[in-house]
Structure formats: structure tokens, C-alpha cells
Protein backbone atom coordinates (compact mmCIF):
# COMPACT_ATOMS: atom_id res chain seq x y z
CA UNK A 1 -24.98 -33.77 -62.56
CA UNK A 2 -22.81 -36.87 -62.47
CA UNK A 3 -21.07 -36.22 -59.32
CA UNK A 4 -22.17 -39.60 -57.72
CA UNK A 5 -21.66 -41.93 -60.48
CA UNK A 6 -21.43 -45.54 -59.38
CA UNK A 7 -17.57 -46.43 -59.18
CA UNK A 8 -18.39 -49.75 -60.85
CA UNK A 9 -19.30 -47.66 -64.02
CA UNK A 10 -15.70 -46.23 -64.34
CA UNK A 11 -12.99 -47.88 -62.16
CA UNK A 12 -12.72 -51.26 -64.20
CA UNK A 13 -12.54 -49.40 -67.59
CA UNK A 14 -10.30 -46.76 -66.18
CA UNK A 15 -7.59 -49.08 -64.84
CA UNK A 16 -8.02 -51.38 -67.85
CA UNK A 17 -6.99 -48.33 -69.96
CA UNK A 18 -4.27 -47.58 -67.55
CA UNK A 19 -2.69 -51.08 -67.89
CA UNK A 20 -3.10 -51.64 -71.83
CA UNK A 21 -0.69 -49.08 -73.05
CA UNK A 22 2.01 -50.02 -70.69
CA UNK A 23 1.79 -53.67 -71.66
CA UNK A 24 1.73 -52.69 -75.38
CA UNK A 25 4.74 -50.48 -75.08
CA UNK A 26 6.92 -52.74 -72.92
CA UNK A 27 5.77 -56.32 -74.34
CA UNK A 28 3.87 -56.11 -77.39
CA UNK A 29 6.42 -53.84 -79.14
CA UNK A 30 9.24 -56.36 -78.35
CA UNK A 31 7.28 -59.24 -79.96
CA UNK A 32 6.16 -57.12 -83.03
CA UNK A 33 9.77 -56.23 -83.65
CA UNK A 34 11.11 -59.57 -83.33
CA UNK A 35 8.44 -60.69 -85.89
CA UNK A 36 9.62 -57.84 -88.23
CA UNK A 37 13.23 -59.03 -88.20
CA UNK A 38 14.74 -56.45 -85.74
CA UNK A 39 17.89 -57.75 -84.01
CA UNK A 40 17.85 -58.55 -80.20
CA UNK A 41 20.34 -55.97 -79.43
CA UNK A 42 18.24 -53.25 -81.16
CA UNK A 43 15.06 -54.49 -79.57
CA UNK A 44 16.52 -54.42 -76.04
CA UNK A 45 18.25 -51.14 -76.49
CA UNK A 46 15.39 -49.15 -77.95
CA UNK A 47 12.54 -50.63 -76.16
CA UNK A 48 14.39 -50.25 -72.75
CA UNK A 49 14.68 -46.47 -73.40
CA UNK A 50 10.84 -46.47 -73.43
CA UNK A 51 10.98 -46.90 -69.68
CA UNK A 52 12.27 -43.20 -69.34
CA UNK A 53 8.93 -41.52 -69.06
CA UNK A 54 8.22 -43.73 -65.93
CA UNK A 55 11.64 -42.92 -64.62
CA UNK A 56 11.12 -39.19 -64.68
CA UNK A 57 7.46 -39.12 -64.08
CA UNK A 58 7.82 -37.65 -60.65
CA UNK A 59 9.23 -34.51 -62.24
CA UNK A 60 6.23 -33.53 -63.93
CA UNK A 61 3.71 -35.07 -61.84
CA UNK A 62 2.83 -31.49 -60.17
CA UNK A 63 1.85 -30.23 -63.53
CA UNK A 64 -1.18 -32.54 -63.59
CA UNK A 65 -2.18 -30.74 -60.17
CA UNK A 66 -1.49 -27.36 -61.17
CA UNK A 67 -3.44 -27.21 -64.61
CA UNK A 68 -6.93 -28.16 -65.51
CA UNK A 69 -8.67 -31.17 -63.84
CA UNK A 70 -7.49 -34.73 -63.48
CA UNK A 71 -10.62 -35.79 -65.40
CA UNK A 72 -9.69 -33.70 -68.26
CA UNK A 73 -6.14 -34.94 -68.28
CA UNK A 74 -7.46 -38.54 -68.34
CA UNK A 75 -9.68 -38.13 -71.42
CA UNK A 76 -7.06 -36.14 -73.20
CA UNK A 77 -4.24 -38.61 -72.58
CA UNK A 78 -6.50 -41.38 -73.89
CA UNK A 79 -6.98 -39.57 -77.12
CA UNK A 80 -3.36 -39.04 -77.34
CA UNK A 81 -2.67 -42.65 -76.67
CA UNK A 82 -5.20 -43.61 -79.17
CA UNK A 83 -3.52 -41.40 -81.75
CA UNK A 84 -0.09 -42.89 -81.03
CA UNK A 85 -1.55 -46.38 -81.70
CA UNK A 86 -2.96 -45.21 -84.87
CA UNK A 87 0.48 -43.67 -85.78
CA UNK A 88 2.21 -47.20 -85.19
CA UNK A 89 -0.40 -48.76 -87.41
CA UNK A 90 0.08 -46.22 -90.28
CA UNK A 91 3.98 -46.39 -90.23
CA UNK A 92 4.36 -50.26 -89.84
CA UNK A 93 4.11 -50.63 -93.59
CA UNK A 94 7.08 -47.99 -94.18
CA UNK A 95 10.47 -48.87 -95.04
CA UNK A 96 11.77 -46.89 -92.14
CA UNK A 97 9.10 -48.29 -89.71
CA UNK A 98 11.58 -49.04 -86.97
CA UNK A 99 12.36 -45.35 -86.48
CA UNK A 100 8.69 -44.11 -87.04
CA UNK A 101 6.96 -46.56 -84.85
CA UNK A 102 9.52 -45.83 -81.97
CA UNK A 103 8.68 -42.29 -82.21
CA UNK A 104 5.13 -43.05 -81.72
CA UNK A 105 5.82 -45.43 -78.85
CA UNK A 106 7.66 -42.55 -77.16
CA UNK A 107 4.73 -40.39 -77.61
CA UNK A 108 2.40 -43.18 -76.01
CA UNK A 109 5.03 -43.64 -73.16
CA UNK A 110 4.86 -40.05 -72.05
CA UNK A 111 1.01 -39.91 -72.39
CA UNK A 112 0.61 -43.24 -70.49
CA UNK A 113 2.91 -42.09 -67.69
CA UNK A 114 0.73 -38.95 -67.50
CA UNK A 115 -2.38 -40.93 -67.60
CA UNK A 116 -1.13 -42.99 -64.64
CA UNK A 117 -0.62 -39.89 -62.63
CA UNK A 118 -4.06 -38.44 -63.49
CA UNK A 119 -5.90 -41.82 -63.02
CA UNK A 120 -4.28 -42.56 -59.50
CA UNK A 121 -4.96 -39.07 -58.37
CA UNK A 122 -8.51 -38.97 -59.61
CA UNK A 123 -9.26 -42.34 -57.85
CA UNK A 124 -8.18 -40.65 -54.57
CA UNK A 125 -10.43 -37.59 -55.16
CA UNK A 126 -13.54 -39.42 -56.46
CA UNK A 127 -13.75 -41.96 -53.64
CA UNK A 128 -13.75 -41.61 -49.85
CA UNK A 129 -11.42 -43.64 -47.74
CA UNK A 130 -13.94 -46.64 -47.35
CA UNK A 131 -14.49 -46.96 -51.25
CA UNK A 132 -10.79 -46.47 -51.93
CA UNK A 133 -10.08 -49.55 -49.79
CA UNK A 134 -12.83 -51.51 -51.14
CA UNK A 135 -12.10 -50.96 -54.92
CA UNK A 136 -8.23 -51.21 -54.54
CA UNK A 137 -8.60 -54.90 -55.39
CA UNK A 138 -10.98 -54.05 -58.30
CA UNK A 139 -8.50 -51.65 -59.85
CA UNK A 140 -5.68 -54.08 -59.56
CA UNK A 141 -7.68 -56.85 -61.12
CA UNK A 142 -8.73 -54.89 -64.22
CA UNK A 143 -5.13 -53.58 -64.61
CA UNK A 144 -4.09 -57.31 -64.72
CA UNK A 145 -7.05 -58.08 -67.12
CA UNK A 146 -5.32 -55.44 -69.43
CA UNK A 147 -2.12 -57.33 -69.10
CA UNK A 148 -4.00 -60.62 -70.28
CA UNK A 149 -5.55 -58.74 -73.10
CA UNK A 150 -2.08 -57.10 -74.25
CA UNK A 151 0.01 -60.26 -73.60
CA UNK A 152 -2.45 -62.86 -74.55
CA UNK A 153 -5.56 -61.87 -76.84
CA UNK A 154 -3.63 -59.03 -78.79
CA UNK A 155 -0.68 -61.31 -79.62
CA UNK A 156 -2.95 -64.17 -80.53
CA UNK A 157 -4.85 -61.97 -82.78
CA UNK A 158 -1.64 -60.76 -84.43
CA UNK A 159 -0.47 -64.44 -84.72
CA UNK A 160 -3.84 -65.44 -86.45
CA UNK A 161 -3.38 -62.66 -89.17
CA UNK A 162 0.25 -63.46 -89.57
CA UNK A 163 -0.80 -66.87 -90.72
CA UNK A 164 -3.80 -65.86 -92.76
CA UNK A 165 -2.39 -62.57 -94.28
CA UNK A 166 1.06 -61.33 -93.63
CA UNK A 167 3.18 -60.03 -90.80
CA UNK A 168 2.89 -56.44 -91.80
CA UNK A 169 -1.02 -56.72 -92.21
CA UNK A 170 -1.23 -58.61 -88.84
CA UNK A 171 0.45 -55.83 -86.96
CA UNK A 172 -1.02 -52.99 -88.70
CA UNK A 173 -4.50 -54.36 -88.07
CA UNK A 174 -3.74 -55.11 -84.30
CA UNK A 175 -2.68 -51.47 -83.70
CA UNK A 176 -5.76 -50.18 -85.47
CA UNK A 177 -7.98 -52.22 -82.98
CA UNK A 178 -6.06 -50.81 -80.11
CA UNK A 179 -6.42 -47.21 -81.55
CA UNK A 180 -10.09 -47.60 -81.86
CA UNK A 181 -10.47 -48.96 -78.35
CA UNK A 182 -8.90 -45.84 -76.95
CA UNK A 183 -11.02 -43.49 -78.82
CA UNK A 184 -14.00 -45.54 -77.37
CA UNK A 185 -12.37 -45.11 -73.84
CA UNK A 186 -11.95 -41.46 -74.25
CA UNK A 187 -15.60 -40.88 -75.12
CA UNK A 188 -16.86 -43.16 -72.55
CA UNK A 189 -14.82 -41.81 -69.76
CA UNK A 190 -15.80 -38.22 -70.94
CA UNK A 191 -19.41 -39.37 -70.31
CA UNK A 192 -19.24 -41.49 -67.05
CA UNK A 193 -16.33 -40.04 -65.13
CA UNK A 194 -17.62 -38.38 -61.93
CA UNK A 195 -16.94 -34.70 -61.23
CA UNK A 196 -15.81 -34.48 -57.77
CA UNK A 197 -15.70 -30.86 -56.26
CA UNK A 198 -12.22 -31.51 -55.24
CA UNK A 199 -11.03 -32.10 -58.81
CA UNK A 200 -9.83 -28.56 -59.80
CA UNK A 201 -6.80 -26.74 -61.00
CA UNK A 202 -4.68 -25.21 -58.35
CA UNK A 203 -2.67 -22.80 -60.60
CA UNK A 204 -4.15 -19.90 -58.69
CA UNK A 205 -3.40 -21.17 -55.33
CA UNK A 206 0.16 -20.53 -53.95
CA UNK A 207 2.23 -21.55 -57.00
CA UNK A 208 5.53 -20.64 -55.16
CA UNK A 209 4.63 -22.66 -52.23
CA UNK A 210 3.85 -25.64 -54.29
CA UNK A 211 7.25 -25.48 -55.99
CA UNK A 212 8.90 -25.13 -52.47
CA UNK A 213 7.06 -28.17 -51.24
CA UNK A 214 7.90 -30.21 -54.49
CA UNK A 215 11.78 -29.51 -53.99
CA UNK A 216 11.32 -30.27 -50.27
CA UNK A 217 9.83 -33.62 -51.00
CA UNK A 218 12.79 -34.50 -53.19
CA UNK A 219 15.56 -33.36 -50.67
CA UNK A 220 13.78 -35.09 -47.73
CA UNK A 221 13.76 -38.43 -49.82
CA UNK A 222 17.48 -38.18 -50.42
CA UNK A 223 18.47 -37.59 -46.83
CA UNK A 224 16.79 -40.95 -45.46
CA UNK A 225 18.90 -43.06 -43.31
CA UNK A 226 20.93 -45.44 -45.27
CA UNK A 227 19.77 -43.92 -48.49
CA UNK A 228 22.57 -45.42 -50.37
CA UNK A 229 21.57 -48.93 -49.54
CA UNK A 230 17.99 -47.95 -50.29
CA UNK A 231 18.73 -46.76 -53.84
CA UNK A 232 20.91 -49.87 -54.36
CA UNK A 233 18.05 -52.11 -53.45
CA UNK A 234 15.66 -50.27 -55.66
CA UNK A 235 18.07 -50.39 -58.59
CA UNK A 236 19.28 -53.99 -58.24
CA UNK A 237 16.29 -56.00 -56.87
CA UNK A 238 15.14 -56.48 -60.51
CA UNK A 239 18.63 -56.44 -61.95
CA UNK A 240 18.36 -59.83 -63.37
CA UNK A 241 14.73 -59.66 -64.37
CA UNK A 242 15.29 -56.48 -66.36
CA UNK A 243 17.53 -58.31 -68.62
CA UNK A 244 15.61 -61.65 -68.78
CA UNK A 245 12.21 -59.87 -69.62
CA UNK A 246 13.57 -58.29 -72.84
CA UNK A 247 15.08 -61.66 -74.23
CA UNK A 248 12.27 -64.11 -72.95
CA UNK A 249 9.94 -63.44 -76.01
CA UNK A 250 12.66 -63.35 -78.56
CA UNK A 251 13.95 -66.58 -77.15
CA UNK A 252 10.59 -68.25 -77.61
CA UNK A 253 10.22 -67.01 -81.15
CA UNK A 254 13.59 -67.68 -82.51
CA UNK A 255 14.22 -70.84 -84.42
CA UNK A 256 15.70 -73.88 -82.86
CA UNK A 257 18.78 -73.79 -85.00
CA UNK A 258 19.39 -70.28 -83.45
CA UNK A 259 19.07 -71.61 -79.95
CA UNK A 260 15.36 -70.45 -79.57
CA UNK A 261 12.23 -72.69 -79.17
CA UNK A 262 10.66 -71.92 -82.45
CA UNK A 263 7.22 -71.07 -81.20
CA UNK A 264 4.63 -69.01 -83.22
CA UNK A 265 3.38 -65.64 -82.22
CA UNK A 266 0.11 -67.17 -81.11
CA UNK A 267 1.77 -69.69 -78.96
CA UNK A 268 3.87 -66.92 -77.22
CA UNK A 269 0.80 -64.87 -76.63
CA UNK A 270 -1.05 -67.96 -74.91
CA UNK A 271 1.97 -68.73 -72.75
CA UNK A 272 2.54 -65.18 -71.38
CA UNK A 273 -0.88 -63.83 -71.73
CA UNK A 274 -2.71 -66.68 -69.98
CA UNK A 275 -0.70 -69.15 -68.16
CA UNK A 276 1.78 -66.57 -67.33
CA UNK A 277 -0.40 -64.01 -66.13
CA UNK A 278 -2.52 -66.32 -63.94
CA UNK A 279 0.46 -67.61 -62.17
CA UNK A 280 1.83 -64.07 -61.74
CA UNK A 281 -1.62 -63.19 -60.11
CA UNK A 282 -1.60 -66.29 -57.76
CA UNK A 283 2.01 -65.65 -56.71
CA UNK A 284 1.06 -62.08 -56.01
CA UNK A 285 -1.77 -62.96 -53.85
CA UNK A 286 0.19 -65.56 -51.81
CA UNK A 287 2.93 -63.02 -51.45
CA UNK A 288 0.56 -60.51 -50.00
CA UNK A 289 -1.12 -62.90 -47.56
CA UNK A 290 2.27 -64.15 -46.35
CA UNK A 291 3.55 -60.56 -45.82
CA UNK A 292 0.49 -59.64 -43.86
CA UNK A 293 0.90 -62.77 -41.43
CA UNK A 294 4.60 -62.45 -40.44
CA UNK A 295 5.77 -59.08 -41.92
CA UNK A 296 8.08 -58.05 -44.78
CA UNK A 297 11.60 -58.59 -42.74
CA UNK A 298 10.63 -62.20 -42.07
CA UNK A 299 9.81 -62.97 -45.88
CA UNK A 300 12.20 -60.62 -47.62
CA UNK A 301 14.82 -63.41 -48.22
CA UNK A 302 12.36 -65.95 -49.34
CA UNK A 303 10.83 -63.50 -51.73
CA UNK A 304 14.36 -62.64 -53.00
CA UNK A 305 14.75 -66.41 -53.57
CA UNK A 306 11.40 -66.68 -55.29
CA UNK A 307 11.95 -63.86 -57.80
CA UNK A 308 15.38 -64.96 -58.74
CA UNK A 309 15.79 -68.64 -58.53
CA UNK A 310 12.96 -69.65 -61.01
CA UNK A 311 14.93 -67.90 -63.71
CA UNK A 312 16.76 -71.05 -63.86
CA UNK A 313 13.78 -72.66 -65.91
CA UNK A 314 15.18 -70.68 -68.87
CA UNK A 315 18.61 -72.30 -68.45
CA UNK A 316 16.76 -75.61 -68.77
CA UNK A 317 14.76 -74.48 -71.69
CA UNK A 318 17.73 -73.22 -73.55
CA UNK A 319 19.76 -76.45 -72.87
CA UNK A 320 17.09 -78.97 -73.62
CA UNK A 321 14.95 -77.00 -76.15
CA UNK A 322 11.85 -79.28 -75.26
CA UNK A 323 9.27 -79.58 -78.02
CA UNK A 324 6.27 -80.17 -75.54
CA UNK A 325 4.43 -76.97 -75.45
CA UNK A 326 3.17 -78.01 -71.96
CA UNK A 327 6.49 -78.42 -70.51
CA UNK A 328 7.32 -74.78 -71.78
CA UNK A 329 4.00 -73.43 -70.33
CA UNK A 330 4.83 -75.20 -66.95
CA UNK A 331 8.41 -73.69 -66.81
CA UNK A 332 6.92 -70.24 -67.43
CA UNK A 333 4.24 -70.77 -65.00
CA UNK A 334 6.94 -71.65 -62.37
CA UNK A 335 8.97 -68.54 -63.19
CA UNK A 336 5.91 -66.19 -63.30
CA UNK A 337 4.48 -67.52 -60.04
CA UNK A 338 7.99 -67.05 -58.26
CA UNK A 339 8.05 -63.52 -59.65
CA UNK A 340 4.52 -62.57 -58.47
CA UNK A 341 5.48 -63.82 -54.92
CA UNK A 342 8.72 -62.18 -54.92
CA UNK A 343 7.81 -58.83 -56.35
CA UNK A 344 5.47 -58.42 -53.35
CA UNK A 345 8.69 -57.53 -51.34
CA UNK A 346 9.60 -54.81 -53.85
CA UNK A 347 6.31 -53.20 -53.62
CA UNK A 348 5.98 -53.27 -49.86
CA UNK A 349 9.53 -51.87 -49.41
CA UNK A 350 8.66 -48.91 -51.53
CA UNK A 351 5.62 -48.30 -49.54
CA UNK A 352 7.82 -48.68 -46.39
CA UNK A 353 10.31 -45.91 -47.50
CA UNK A 354 7.56 -43.71 -48.65
CA UNK A 355 6.04 -43.42 -45.17
CA UNK A 356 6.04 -39.96 -43.66
CA UNK A 357 5.05 -36.41 -44.75
CA UNK A 358 5.65 -36.67 -48.45
CA UNK A 359 4.23 -40.24 -48.84
CA UNK A 360 2.86 -39.64 -52.45
CA UNK A 361 5.89 -38.03 -53.90
CA UNK A 362 8.33 -40.38 -52.18
CA UNK A 363 6.45 -43.41 -53.54
CA UNK A 364 6.65 -41.74 -57.07
CA UNK A 365 10.37 -41.13 -56.60
CA UNK A 366 10.56 -44.90 -55.56
CA UNK A 367 8.80 -46.02 -58.65
CA UNK A 368 10.95 -43.82 -60.89
CA UNK A 369 14.11 -45.67 -59.38
CA UNK A 370 12.41 -48.97 -60.19
CA UNK A 371 11.89 -47.89 -63.66
CA UNK A 372 15.62 -46.80 -63.92
CA UNK A 373 16.50 -50.24 -62.55
CA UNK A 374 14.58 -51.85 -65.46
CA UNK A 375 15.65 -49.46 -68.21
CA UNK A 376 19.46 -49.42 -67.92
CA UNK A 377 20.09 -53.36 -67.49
CA UNK A 378 17.45 -53.87 -70.17
CA UNK A 379 19.15 -51.63 -72.72
CA UNK A 380 22.28 -53.92 -73.01
CA UNK A 381 20.58 -57.30 -72.38
CA UNK A 382 20.15 -57.91 -76.28
CA UNK A 383 23.87 -57.00 -77.00
CA UNK A 384 24.95 -59.49 -74.18
CA UNK A 385 22.69 -62.09 -75.64
CA UNK A 386 24.02 -61.81 -79.15
CA UNK A 387 27.56 -62.18 -77.90
CA UNK A 388 26.85 -65.07 -75.45
CA UNK A 389 24.01 -66.93 -77.24
CA UNK A 390 20.80 -67.96 -75.29
CA UNK A 391 22.36 -70.79 -73.19
CA UNK A 392 25.32 -68.81 -71.78
CA UNK A 393 23.08 -65.71 -71.47
CA UNK A 394 20.56 -67.45 -69.20
CA UNK A 395 23.48 -68.77 -67.12
CA UNK A 396 24.78 -65.05 -66.82
CA UNK A 397 21.19 -64.18 -65.76
CA UNK A 398 21.51 -66.51 -62.67
CA UNK A 399 24.93 -64.80 -61.84
CA UNK A 400 23.03 -61.44 -62.20
CA UNK A 401 20.66 -62.17 -59.34
CA UNK A 402 23.70 -61.89 -56.82
CA UNK A 403 23.59 -58.14 -56.39
CA UNK A 404 19.99 -58.20 -55.24
CA UNK A 405 20.97 -60.53 -52.33
CA UNK A 406 23.93 -58.39 -51.37
CA UNK A 407 22.18 -55.03 -51.08
CA UNK A 408 19.14 -56.69 -49.34
CA UNK A 409 21.42 -57.40 -46.38
CA UNK A 410 22.10 -53.66 -45.39
CA UNK A 411 18.79 -52.01 -46.10
CA UNK A 412 16.86 -50.36 -43.09
CA UNK A 413 13.42 -52.31 -42.42
CA UNK A 414 11.04 -52.17 -39.63
CA UNK A 415 10.67 -55.83 -38.38
CA UNK A 416 6.90 -55.31 -38.01
CA UNK A 417 6.13 -53.63 -41.35
CA UNK A 418 3.66 -55.32 -43.56
CA UNK A 419 2.16 -57.41 -40.85
CA UNK A 420 -1.57 -57.22 -40.22
CA UNK A 421 -2.43 -55.19 -37.05
CA UNK A 422 -4.18 -57.43 -34.46
CA UNK A 423 -7.51 -55.90 -33.43
CA UNK A 424 -8.64 -56.25 -29.85
CA UNK A 425 -11.76 -58.54 -29.30
CA UNK A 426 -12.55 -57.02 -25.97
């Protein structure tokens, strides 16, 4: 009876629910562990491992097609994510909280990656092509809103309770709030998600052929022309960022005598969740517009510069340790704007190499390598920082940008790719 539900009733909430667990797992967890006195080395190592479900996501994506409906997968994964958030809340007060909370973050990471598969597939089944094109900006916007809520509002909420109650209470309460949100999401989406006729299980339809096509899609990806350079680009484009992102928040939170900036949890939430996200979105919008005018090949070097060179603001911040909150905000705004503009090249190149018969699976493989490129360097960034100290670490980050420039020189790239096609006025 609800096959023709208005997309406005479910797309914003669905993509908010897709973005929130990712930012909680990757960003909020880092800040929580830092405030609970876990070392930088352990934070970076163990939270980087949480990228693994997104790395291997292409391996189990066919399961979402083969069993049940994507609608059921969405609702069930939201329940599991909510349970995982509740598990984190319950185990924070325990003496071995680090091990137990990591276990629940792992549960959420696998559930969130599976939710991504189901939600993106459902989006294509529930909407025709014209509506898919119309709502693509809406889904991206609400995914970004989830980033603001996670990196901003939730961190500021925790910061408030840290001051008025205690650190343990603050983070327990914060995760209870998120758990309740996901119970509500699951109930809401069970009621409002449409039931398109095309959303059905295919377990009864040529399972062997599906398996054959699955393995064919993998083999054809790895025989692409210059695949070595393509994989190098996917793995090294974010090599410096993968390490920087794990240490940025700890640097902001650490005391000044330890080389940090001595900010409060709420101040870090404001910087990354409002100023940082706004700058990121503006940079991304400009990057998309620029690429549509002159194509990716023209802009790729400028975008490499944009995503890498602004990392130097952390060299400045670590050397000077400015006390002005607005100077710190301005530095992060510059870095995040550059990242938003530069990351456009990465997304477009993944789309470029996915062109062909197995577009969906090849894009999923590319995102897996993207996650791998974030996971491995991030794992060791905390250990490197502990050896070098923040000042030398951020100088090292600038040197770590070099591999991305080297591999970009050799990748195959269509000169016209990304350029908006001109339509005839006749």
C-alpha cells in the first residue's frame, strides 16, 4: 500500500542514518578514547582497524542481493547499529572498557557497511532515473548533516556533560542518545520505506550464474590497463590524510605542555562539526563545478595540491600553539576546504575507472581500496606521533604527501572525463 511513498519522507532520514554511524565509528570514537586517557598509539592502531569492513565490503555485497529484500536489510541493520551503540554505552563504565567498546564498534562497523550496501541499492530500486538524479544532492546533503551532528552536536553534548557531570557519564549518556535514535530510525523506516516490486530476494534465480558474474567482475577489474598505477593512486592519494586525520583531534585535545592546543571537547566539536564541515562542503561544491567545466585531467594536479598543501596549517599550529580560538578555526577551515576541493579528484577517478560492464561492483572495489589506503597508514600514525612529537609529526605528514604526486603522473585518464557535455541549441 505504500509503494509510492514520497521520497522526501524517507531519503533525508535514510542517508542521515547512513552517515551517522560512520562518523561515530571513525571520529567520535577517537575523541572519546582520547578523553578517557587511551594513548595516541592505541587509538590510531585500533580505530584504524575499524575501516576493515568497508575495505572488504565488496566481498559480501552480493549477499544483500541474494537474501531477503534491501528494505529488510536496512531496518535490521539499523536495529543492530542501535544495539551496538547501546553496548558501547553499557561498557564505558567498565574497567576493561577499551576492549569491550572496540568489540561493539566492530559490530557497528560491519552493520554500517552492510547498511550502506542496502541503502544505496534500495535508492536505485525505489526511484526512477529522473528522481535518482534529482535526489542525489539531497542524499549527499543529509549525509553531510549527519557528519555535522556527529562531529559537532554529539561532541559538544559530550563536552557539556564532561563539565557538569563526569567524562564517564558524558560518553555513556551520549551513546544512549545515539542508540535511542537508531531504534527510532528502524521503526520509522519500517513504516515509511516504500515497497518497490523490484526489491526482492534473488536466491531462487541462477545462484551459480550470480557467483560466476561476481568473480568475473573481480577479475576484469584487475586486468585494467595500468592497473598497478591505478591501485597506487587509490592507495596513496590519501596517504598523508589517513595519518593526519587520526592525530588531528588528539592534537587539539592534548595539553599545551604536551605539544597540543589544550582545547575542550566542546571546542573540538565546534571546530570540526561546524566550521570544518561547512568548509568541506564548500570545497566539494567548488571542486565538482570546476571539474565539470574543464574535466578531471585539467584539475587533478591542482586538486592534489589542494588536498595536501593545506596540511601545513598543522605545522603552523604545532609550532606556534596559538591561543586564539578563531585562528585555530581559520586554520582548520583552510585545511578542510582544500580537502573538500581535492577529494573531488579521488571520487571522480573512482567513477572513471568503474566505467564499463561491471560499473557497480568495480566502484565498490575502488571504495574498498580507498578504505584500505586509509586503514593501513592510519594504524601506525599514533606510534609515529609518539616517537616524533606533534611538531615533527606534522612536518613528516608534509613529506608523506609526495607519493600521491608521484603515482598521479602515470595513471590512465581520459582528457574529457568529468567535463559537462555540451548540448546542441539547434
